[in-house]
Amino acid sequence: MDNHYNPIIYRRLQGLFEGREWDALMPYLKTLSNSQFRTAGYMIGERLLRDVDAAVFWEVARRLILWDAKAFTVTLAKAAVPRFKAGTLSIEDEGFQQLTAALADERHVIDRQKLLLQWLPAVEDYATMEALFDALGITEARRRVDFLLQHDSLCAAFVLLRTLRFEEHDRDYLTSVCRQLIRRAAAQSSPTGSGGSLSYNLASLLRTYFDLPDLRGTFSLQLEHYELSRIDTDFEVFRRAVTKV
């Protein structure tokens, strides 16, 4: 039998969902064996939460993560990704705000980080990405940079630039971030020379923006200082500059 599906467990879970019997959900899950419990988790994330309204999604997510974060945080974070992309979930939802408030204390630092790692790639709007950081309690600039360096997208690149403005006094740190981008670009590049261009271009842009003379290398992207006007406040200006070549 597929370990992502069990018809008997599914029917029971489906009944609980249809009846909104949330107080009975956790007691039922506790009756399952370890393998059945894992299957139930898959079915909740992959089937039962796929089409429910946003309020139900966040209600279930909050209850299950608070009940057993180790078992459900990543499962439910992954379940939210396609719905964020489809626009059927939003960080503006009241249920999302209730979830993040419930996870705000120090006991849930790791859980918030797990959610962020899953959700950042699903965000295509820089204001939403910055709001997501705020909502999940990642407010210190260098911690945000650590997460942003793991994502190679235009949105993440723009937020990285905006975040690094808070570290503009530390040129050694800024140079180290650019070198990480260069290493990432080299790792992404194929033998034919494709891939990694965004990371290379972003490193070049940051070198010019922050005036980092210690960052040496040959970059195809060359920007004049006048081209940097509004580059940290206007996403379209940034996009045109960083994808110039």
C-alpha atoms as a PDB file:
ATOM      1  CA  MET A   1       0.000   0.000   0.000  1.00  0.00           C
ATOM      2  CA  ASP A   2       1.220   3.501  -0.819  1.00  0.00           C
ATOM      3  CA  ASN A   3       2.557   5.002   2.410  1.00  0.00           C
ATOM      4  CA  HIS A   4       1.048   8.345   1.356  1.00  0.00           C
ATOM      5  CA  TYR A   5      -2.488   6.945   1.360  1.00  0.00           C
ATOM      6  CA  ASN A   6      -4.670   4.671   3.467  1.00  0.00           C
ATOM      7  CA  PRO A   7      -8.383   4.619   2.572  1.00  0.00           C
ATOM      8  CA  ILE A   8      -9.588   3.783   6.092  1.00  0.00           C
ATOM      9  CA  ILE A   9      -7.579   6.563   7.736  1.00  0.00           C
ATOM     10  CA  TYR A  10      -8.483   8.946   4.957  1.00  0.00           C
ATOM     11  CA  ARG A  11     -12.224   8.409   5.405  1.00  0.00           C
ATOM     12  CA  ARG A  12     -11.913   9.037   9.146  1.00  0.00           C
ATOM     13  CA  LEU A  13      -9.860  12.183   8.630  1.00  0.00           C
ATOM     14  CA  GLN A  14     -12.212  13.369   5.904  1.00  0.00           C
ATOM     15  CA  GLY A  15     -15.134  13.025   8.303  1.00  0.00           C
ATOM     16  CA  LEU A  16     -13.326  15.050  10.954  1.00  0.00           C
ATOM     17  CA  PHE A  17     -12.526  17.766   8.416  1.00  0.00           C
ATOM     18  CA  GLU A  18     -16.046  17.900   7.030  1.00  0.00           C
ATOM     19  CA  GLY A  19     -17.467  18.190  10.551  1.00  0.00           C
ATOM     20  CA  ARG A  20     -14.793  20.683  11.645  1.00  0.00           C
ATOM     21  CA  GLU A  21     -14.171  18.350  14.603  1.00  0.00           C
ATOM     22  CA  TRP A  22     -10.760  19.800  15.410  1.00  0.00           C
ATOM     23  CA  ASP A  23     -10.849  18.809  19.075  1.00  0.00           C
ATOM     24  CA  ALA A  24     -11.166  15.183  17.978  1.00  0.00           C
ATOM     25  CA  LEU A  25      -8.357  15.359  15.390  1.00  0.00           C
ATOM     26  CA  MET A  26      -5.353  15.079  17.680  1.00  0.00           C
ATOM     27  CA  PRO A  27      -6.858  12.331  19.879  1.00  0.00           C
ATOM     28  CA  TYR A  28      -7.513  10.302  16.732  1.00  0.00           C
ATOM     29  CA  LEU A  29      -3.973  10.821  15.438  1.00  0.00           C
ATOM     30  CA  LYS A  30      -2.636   9.610  18.798  1.00  0.00           C
ATOM     31  CA  THR A  31      -4.336   6.248  18.291  1.00  0.00           C
ATOM     32  CA  LEU A  32      -2.350   5.526  15.103  1.00  0.00           C
ATOM     33  CA  SER A  33       0.831   3.513  14.803  1.00  0.00           C
ATOM     34  CA  ASN A  34       4.011   5.324  13.742  1.00  0.00           C
ATOM     35  CA  SER A  35       3.607   4.330  10.086  1.00  0.00           C
ATOM     36  CA  GLN A  36      -0.109   5.180  10.099  1.00  0.00           C
ATOM     37  CA  PHE A  37       0.684   8.536  11.717  1.00  0.00           C
ATOM     38  CA  ARG A  38       3.129   9.377   8.931  1.00  0.00           C
ATOM     39  CA  THR A  39       0.545   8.383   6.321  1.00  0.00           C
ATOM     40  CA  ALA A  40      -2.051  10.556   8.031  1.00  0.00           C
ATOM     41  CA  GLY A  41       0.354  13.488   7.907  1.00  0.00           C
ATOM     42  CA  TYR A  42       0.886  13.006   4.182  1.00  0.00           C
ATOM     43  CA  MET A  43      -2.863  12.846   3.538  1.00  0.00           C
ATOM     44  CA  ILE A  44      -3.553  15.975   5.585  1.00  0.00           C
ATOM     45  CA  GLY A  45      -0.897  17.960   3.741  1.00  0.00           C
ATOM     46  CA  GLU A  46      -1.305  16.543   0.236  1.00  0.00           C
ATOM     47  CA  ARG A  47      -5.051  15.916   0.054  1.00  0.00           C
ATOM     48  CA  LEU A  48      -7.233  17.276   2.815  1.00  0.00           C
ATOM     49  CA  LEU A  49      -5.755  20.778   2.969  1.00  0.00           C
ATOM     50  CA  ARG A  50      -5.441  21.181  -0.774  1.00  0.00           C
ATOM     51  CA  ASP A  51      -8.858  22.741  -1.423  1.00  0.00           C
ATOM     52  CA  VAL A  52     -10.232  23.846   1.956  1.00  0.00           C
ATOM     53  CA  ASP A  53     -10.837  27.533   2.549  1.00  0.00           C
ATOM     54  CA  ALA A  54      -7.999  29.583   3.983  1.00  0.00           C
ATOM     55  CA  ALA A  55      -9.518  29.832   7.456  1.00  0.00           C
ATOM     56  CA  VAL A  56      -9.656  26.037   7.749  1.00  0.00           C
ATOM     57  CA  PHE A  57      -6.109  25.639   6.446  1.00  0.00           C
ATOM     58  CA  TRP A  58      -4.647  28.001   9.020  1.00  0.00           C
ATOM     59  CA  GLU A  59      -6.788  26.597  11.835  1.00  0.00           C
ATOM     60  CA  VAL A  60      -5.514  23.079  11.170  1.00  0.00           C
ATOM     61  CA  ALA A  61      -1.949  24.264  10.658  1.00  0.00           C
ATOM     62  CA  ARG A  62      -1.911  26.184  13.944  1.00  0.00           C
ATOM     63  CA  ARG A  63      -3.384  23.330  15.938  1.00  0.00           C
ATOM     64  CA  LEU A  64      -1.138  20.624  14.510  1.00  0.00           C
ATOM     65  CA  ILE A  65       2.115  22.594  14.642  1.00  0.00           C
ATOM     66  CA  LEU A  66       1.482  23.592  18.242  1.00  0.00           C
ATOM     67  CA  TRP A  67       0.576  20.000  19.067  1.00  0.00           C
ATOM     68  CA  ASP A  68       3.517  18.258  17.335  1.00  0.00           C
ATOM     69  CA  ALA A  69       5.844  20.706  15.592  1.00  0.00           C
ATOM     70  CA  LYS A  70       8.426  18.069  14.699  1.00  0.00           C
ATOM     71  CA  ALA A  71       5.871  15.998  12.794  1.00  0.00           C
ATOM     72  CA  PHE A  72       3.848  18.731  11.121  1.00  0.00           C
ATOM     73  CA  THR A  73       5.795  21.973  10.613  1.00  0.00           C
ATOM     74  CA  VAL A  74       7.495  21.046   7.343  1.00  0.00           C
ATOM     75  CA  THR A  75       4.510  19.012   6.114  1.00  0.00           C
ATOM     76  CA  LEU A  76       2.136  21.936   6.509  1.00  0.00           C
ATOM     77  CA  ALA A  77       4.664  24.468   5.246  1.00  0.00           C
ATOM     78  CA  LYS A  78       4.969  22.451   2.030  1.00  0.00           C
ATOM     79  CA  ALA A  79       1.192  22.174   1.763  1.00  0.00           C
ATOM     80  CA  ALA A  80       0.955  25.983   1.812  1.00  0.00           C
ATOM     81  CA  VAL A  81       3.455  26.559  -1.015  1.00  0.00           C
ATOM     82  CA  PRO A  82       1.215  25.763  -4.034  1.00  0.00           C
ATOM     83  CA  ARG A  83      -1.615  27.673  -2.398  1.00  0.00           C
ATOM     84  CA  PHE A  84       0.554  30.761  -1.896  1.00  0.00           C
ATOM     85  CA  LYS A  85       1.511  30.546  -5.566  1.00  0.00           C
ATOM     86  CA  ALA A  86      -2.140  30.108  -6.601  1.00  0.00           C
ATOM     87  CA  GLY A  87      -3.263  33.006  -4.418  1.00  0.00           C
ATOM     88  CA  THR A  88      -5.581  30.904  -2.238  1.00  0.00           C
ATOM     89  CA  LEU A  89      -3.484  31.621   0.865  1.00  0.00           C
ATOM     90  CA  SER A  90      -2.001  34.943   1.902  1.00  0.00           C
ATOM     91  CA  ILE A  91       0.068  36.336   4.746  1.00  0.00           C
ATOM     92  CA  GLU A  92      -2.766  38.857   5.059  1.00  0.00           C
ATOM     93  CA  ASP A  93      -5.113  36.064   6.193  1.00  0.00           C
ATOM     94  CA  GLU A  94      -6.245  36.384   9.789  1.00  0.00           C
ATOM     95  CA  GLY A  95      -5.410  32.711  10.283  1.00  0.00           C
ATOM     96  CA  PHE A  96      -1.819  33.265   9.149  1.00  0.00           C
ATOM     97  CA  GLN A  97      -1.442  36.072  11.659  1.00  0.00           C
ATOM     98  CA  GLN A  98      -2.869  33.858  14.400  1.00  0.00           C
ATOM     99  CA  LEU A  99      -0.395  31.123  13.495  1.00  0.00           C
ATOM    100  CA  THR A 100       2.644  33.403  13.585  1.00  0.00           C
ATOM    101  CA  ALA A 101       1.460  34.949  16.865  1.00  0.00           C
ATOM    102  CA  ALA A 102       1.167  31.471  18.371  1.00  0.00           C
ATOM    103  CA  LEU A 103       4.724  30.655  17.245  1.00  0.00           C
ATOM    104  CA  ALA A 104       6.225  33.952  18.366  1.00  0.00           C
ATOM    105  CA  ASP A 105       7.983  32.749  21.530  1.00  0.00           C
ATOM    106  CA  GLU A 106      11.496  31.348  21.786  1.00  0.00           C
ATOM    107  CA  ARG A 107      10.303  27.740  21.911  1.00  0.00           C
ATOM    108  CA  HIS A 108       9.346  27.964  18.240  1.00  0.00           C
ATOM    109  CA  VAL A 109      12.418  29.640  16.733  1.00  0.00           C
ATOM    110  CA  ILE A 110      13.322  26.545  14.711  1.00  0.00           C
ATOM    111  CA  ASP A 111       9.715  26.066  13.593  1.00  0.00           C
ATOM    112  CA  ARG A 112       9.547  29.622  12.278  1.00  0.00           C
ATOM    113  CA  GLN A 113      12.801  29.113  10.395  1.00  0.00           C
ATOM    114  CA  LYS A 114      11.460  25.922   8.820  1.00  0.00           C
ATOM    115  CA  LEU A 115       8.369  27.760   7.628  1.00  0.00           C
ATOM    116  CA  LEU A 116      10.472  30.554   6.191  1.00  0.00           C
ATOM    117  CA  LEU A 117      12.756  28.206   4.261  1.00  0.00           C
ATOM    118  CA  GLN A 118       9.755  26.579   2.605  1.00  0.00           C
ATOM    119  CA  TRP A 119       7.835  29.773   1.898  1.00  0.00           C
ATOM    120  CA  LEU A 120      10.505  32.170   0.621  1.00  0.00           C
ATOM    121  CA  PRO A 121      10.712  30.515  -2.841  1.00  0.00           C
ATOM    122  CA  ALA A 122       6.937  30.884  -3.212  1.00  0.00           C
ATOM    123  CA  VAL A 123       7.046  34.664  -2.757  1.00  0.00           C
ATOM    124  CA  GLU A 124       7.353  36.791  -5.888  1.00  0.00           C
ATOM    125  CA  ASP A 125       6.706  40.231  -4.390  1.00  0.00           C
ATOM    126  CA  TYR A 126       9.445  41.922  -2.392  1.00  0.00           C
ATOM    127  CA  ALA A 127       7.077  43.690   0.026  1.00  0.00           C
ATOM    128  CA  THR A 128       5.444  40.348   0.824  1.00  0.00           C
ATOM    129  CA  MET A 129       8.862  38.769   1.353  1.00  0.00           C
ATOM    130  CA  GLU A 130       9.895  41.494   3.780  1.00  0.00           C
ATOM    131  CA  ALA A 131       6.546  41.184   5.579  1.00  0.00           C
ATOM    132  CA  LEU A 132       7.061  37.420   5.824  1.00  0.00           C
ATOM    133  CA  PHE A 133      10.411  37.969   7.534  1.00  0.00           C
ATOM    134  CA  ASP A 134       8.745  40.366   9.966  1.00  0.00           C
ATOM    135  CA  ALA A 135       5.860  37.997  10.676  1.00  0.00           C
ATOM    136  CA  LEU A 136       8.201  35.105  11.428  1.00  0.00           C
ATOM    137  CA  GLY A 137      10.395  37.186  13.712  1.00  0.00           C
ATOM    138  CA  ILE A 138      13.506  37.315  11.524  1.00  0.00           C
ATOM    139  CA  THR A 139      14.281  40.991  11.978  1.00  0.00           C
ATOM    140  CA  GLU A 140      18.082  41.151  12.274  1.00  0.00           C
ATOM    141  CA  ALA A 141      19.684  42.017   8.933  1.00  0.00           C
ATOM    142  CA  ARG A 142      22.400  39.364   8.912  1.00  0.00           C
ATOM    143  CA  ARG A 143      19.964  36.602   9.772  1.00  0.00           C
ATOM    144  CA  ARG A 144      17.824  37.692   6.814  1.00  0.00           C
ATOM    145  CA  VAL A 145      20.899  37.665   4.590  1.00  0.00           C
ATOM    146  CA  ASP A 146      21.631  34.069   5.640  1.00  0.00           C
ATOM    147  CA  PHE A 147      18.204  33.013   4.383  1.00  0.00           C
ATOM    148  CA  LEU A 148      18.257  35.151   1.249  1.00  0.00           C
ATOM    149  CA  LEU A 149      21.576  33.700   0.112  1.00  0.00           C
ATOM    150  CA  GLN A 150      19.857  30.323  -0.090  1.00  0.00           C
ATOM    151  CA  HIS A 151      17.410  31.538  -2.742  1.00  0.00           C
ATOM    152  CA  ASP A 152      18.337  32.514  -6.277  1.00  0.00           C
ATOM    153  CA  SER A 153      15.438  34.643  -7.457  1.00  0.00           C
ATOM    154  CA  LEU A 154      15.030  38.248  -8.540  1.00  0.00           C
ATOM    155  CA  CYS A 155      12.767  38.936  -5.587  1.00  0.00           C
ATOM    156  CA  ALA A 156      15.276  37.509  -3.096  1.00  0.00           C
ATOM    157  CA  ALA A 157      18.087  39.409  -4.822  1.00  0.00           C
ATOM    158  CA  PHE A 158      16.201  42.695  -4.478  1.00  0.00           C
ATOM    159  CA  VAL A 159      15.419  42.082  -0.816  1.00  0.00           C
ATOM    160  CA  LEU A 160      19.068  41.141  -0.274  1.00  0.00           C
ATOM    161  CA  LEU A 161      20.169  44.511  -1.655  1.00  0.00           C
ATOM    162  CA  ARG A 162      17.634  46.339   0.511  1.00  0.00           C
ATOM    163  CA  THR A 163      18.676  44.367   3.585  1.00  0.00           C
ATOM    164  CA  LEU A 164      22.379  44.963   3.077  1.00  0.00           C
ATOM    165  CA  ARG A 165      21.794  48.706   3.321  1.00  0.00           C
ATOM    166  CA  PHE A 166      21.606  48.168   7.083  1.00  0.00           C
ATOM    167  CA  GLU A 167      25.167  46.798   6.965  1.00  0.00           C
ATOM    168  CA  GLU A 168      26.679  49.426   4.680  1.00  0.00           C
ATOM    169  CA  HIS A 169      29.130  50.481   7.403  1.00  0.00           C
ATOM    170  CA  ASP A 170      30.813  47.040   7.399  1.00  0.00           C
ATOM    171  CA  ARG A 171      32.586  46.782   4.069  1.00  0.00           C
ATOM    172  CA  ASP A 172      34.321  43.529   5.013  1.00  0.00           C
ATOM    173  CA  TYR A 173      30.956  41.900   5.629  1.00  0.00           C
ATOM    174  CA  LEU A 174      29.521  43.246   2.365  1.00  0.00           C
ATOM    175  CA  THR A 175      32.547  41.950   0.484  1.00  0.00           C
ATOM    176  CA  SER A 176      32.131  38.521   2.091  1.00  0.00           C
ATOM    177  CA  VAL A 177      28.484  38.411   0.965  1.00  0.00           C
ATOM    178  CA  CYS A 178      29.535  39.224  -2.596  1.00  0.00           C
ATOM    179  CA  ARG A 179      32.126  36.456  -2.503  1.00  0.00           C
ATOM    180  CA  GLN A 180      29.436  34.038  -1.377  1.00  0.00           C
ATOM    181  CA  LEU A 181      27.371  35.098  -4.375  1.00  0.00           C
ATOM    182  CA  ILE A 182      30.337  34.510  -6.673  1.00  0.00           C
ATOM    183  CA  ARG A 183      30.888  31.042  -5.216  1.00  0.00           C
ATOM    184  CA  ARG A 184      27.189  30.305  -5.642  1.00  0.00           C
ATOM    185  CA  ALA A 185      27.362  31.445  -9.248  1.00  0.00           C
ATOM    186  CA  ALA A 186      30.379  29.244  -9.912  1.00  0.00           C
ATOM    187  CA  ALA A 187      28.591  26.245  -8.403  1.00  0.00           C
ATOM    188  CA  GLN A 188      25.524  26.913 -10.568  1.00  0.00           C
ATOM    189  CA  SER A 189      27.437  27.384 -13.805  1.00  0.00           C
ATOM    190  CA  SER A 190      27.464  24.476 -16.230  1.00  0.00           C
ATOM    191  CA  PRO A 191      30.506  23.412 -18.295  1.00  0.00           C
ATOM    192  CA  THR A 192      28.974  25.338 -21.198  1.00  0.00           C
ATOM    193  CA  GLY A 193      28.979  28.537 -19.169  1.00  0.00           C
ATOM    194  CA  SER A 194      25.235  28.798 -18.537  1.00  0.00           C
ATOM    195  CA  GLY A 195      23.670  29.337 -15.120  1.00  0.00           C
ATOM    196  CA  GLY A 196      24.694  31.520 -12.230  1.00  0.00           C
ATOM    197  CA  SER A 197      24.396  34.803 -14.130  1.00  0.00           C
ATOM    198  CA  LEU A 198      22.013  36.387 -11.615  1.00  0.00           C
ATOM    199  CA  SER A 199      24.423  35.719  -8.750  1.00  0.00           C
ATOM    200  CA  TYR A 200      27.398  37.093 -10.721  1.00  0.00           C
ATOM    201  CA  ASN A 201      25.442  40.165 -11.782  1.00  0.00           C
ATOM    202  CA  LEU A 202      24.173  40.766  -8.267  1.00  0.00           C
ATOM    203  CA  ALA A 203      27.725  40.613  -6.905  1.00  0.00           C
ATOM    204  CA  SER A 204      28.780  43.144  -9.545  1.00  0.00           C
ATOM    205  CA  LEU A 205      25.836  45.403  -8.748  1.00  0.00           C
ATOM    206  CA  LEU A 206      26.596  45.279  -5.018  1.00  0.00           C
ATOM    207  CA  ARG A 207      30.247  46.041  -5.678  1.00  0.00           C
ATOM    208  CA  THR A 208      29.262  49.233  -7.489  1.00  0.00           C
ATOM    209  CA  TYR A 209      26.410  50.176  -5.157  1.00  0.00           C
ATOM    210  CA  PHE A 210      28.496  49.858  -1.981  1.00  0.00           C
ATOM    211  CA  ASP A 211      31.806  50.835  -3.628  1.00  0.00           C
ATOM    212  CA  LEU A 212      33.745  47.704  -2.670  1.00  0.00           C
ATOM    213  CA  PRO A 213      37.246  48.055  -4.166  1.00  0.00           C
ATOM    214  CA  ASP A 214      38.480  44.862  -2.494  1.00  0.00           C
ATOM    215  CA  LEU A 215      36.060  42.752  -4.524  1.00  0.00           C
ATOM    216  CA  ARG A 216      38.090  41.860  -7.564  1.00  0.00           C
ATOM    217  CA  GLY A 217      37.081  39.885 -10.614  1.00  0.00           C
ATOM    218  CA  THR A 218      35.886  40.116 -14.174  1.00  0.00           C
ATOM    219  CA  PHE A 219      32.177  40.836 -14.375  1.00  0.00           C
ATOM    220  CA  SER A 220      30.138  41.097 -17.560  1.00  0.00           C
ATOM    221  CA  LEU A 221      27.693  43.450 -15.844  1.00  0.00           C
ATOM    222  CA  GLN A 222      29.036  46.977 -15.726  1.00  0.00           C
ATOM    223  CA  LEU A 223      26.931  49.718 -14.158  1.00  0.00           C
ATOM    224  CA  GLU A 224      27.510  53.436 -13.963  1.00  0.00           C
ATOM    225  CA  HIS A 225      26.701  55.171 -10.699  1.00  0.00           C
ATOM    226  CA  TYR A 226      23.863  57.132 -12.306  1.00  0.00           C
ATOM    227  CA  GLU A 227      22.177  53.793 -13.081  1.00  0.00           C
ATOM    228  CA  LEU A 228      21.867  53.128  -9.345  1.00  0.00           C
ATOM    229  CA  SER A 229      19.251  55.826  -8.813  1.00  0.00           C
ATOM    230  CA  ARG A 230      16.138  54.260  -7.210  1.00  0.00           C
ATOM    231  CA  ILE A 231      17.660  50.791  -7.624  1.00  0.00           C
ATOM    232  CA  ASP A 232      16.954  49.928  -3.986  1.00  0.00           C
ATOM    233  CA  THR A 233      13.386  51.249  -3.965  1.00  0.00           C
ATOM    234  CA  ASP A 234      12.016  50.405  -7.407  1.00  0.00           C
ATOM    235  CA  PHE A 235      11.939  46.707  -8.266  1.00  0.00           C
ATOM    236  CA  GLU A 236      11.636  47.325 -12.010  1.00  0.00           C
ATOM    237  CA  VAL A 237      14.718  49.557 -12.015  1.00  0.00           C
ATOM    238  CA  PHE A 238      16.578  46.829 -10.123  1.00  0.00           C
ATOM    239  CA  ARG A 239      15.359  44.079 -12.441  1.00  0.00           C
ATOM    240  CA  ARG A 240      16.452  45.931 -15.568  1.00  0.00           C
ATOM    241  CA  ALA A 241      19.876  46.652 -14.080  1.00  0.00           C
ATOM    242  CA  VAL A 242      20.662  43.185 -12.753  1.00  0.00           C
ATOM    243  CA  THR A 243      19.492  41.446 -15.945  1.00  0.00           C
ATOM    244  CA  LYS A 244      21.167  43.962 -18.226  1.00  0.00           C
ATOM    245  CA  VAL A 245      23.436  41.362 -19.876  1.00  0.00           C
END
